[in-house]
């Protein structure tokens, strides 16, 4: 088993560097919580995962977490170096899952408006839609195979600005829907 927390490379995020370097407090606790998840996920990780988590910790952790949840649910999980993050296959039927962690982007506002948060979510969805179209084009996936985009919104805005209707409003641009 290769280690997940290795010497940070150029371009590693501040979060990764902090978790890697500090052997106390939250950083130590995070490593202790992630290690068993990594142990289950590693056989399904692609070759670049350990490098990628240094730059995109939230997104890679989300992919790892979802994969392990699916494995624990007894689903037949597969992952390749090319293609969507997760492939589920049962009785010949294939479902693809792309994991993405939406971010605040470069220009973070002083106040997180609903419009800003929806824009960040739709940006994440568009990124994965564009990948979907490329996978269709290169034959990685077929048009009749379901493709799920699993968006983690924990890193956008702040706790007070996120609510359960954000995802619905991002996908269905309607006003004052009833949940």
Foldseek 3Di string as FASTA:
>chain_A
DDDLLDDADPQFDPVSVCLNPDCDDPSVVVCVVCVVLCVVQVVQDEPCLSNVCRNVVVQSVQLSVVQVVCVVVVWDWHHYNDDASIWTDDPHAIAGEHEGEFAQPDDHDPADALVSLLVSVLVRVVVVVVSVVVCCVVVVDDPPHHYHYHYHDPHHGHPVRDDPCSVVCSVPVDPPDDD
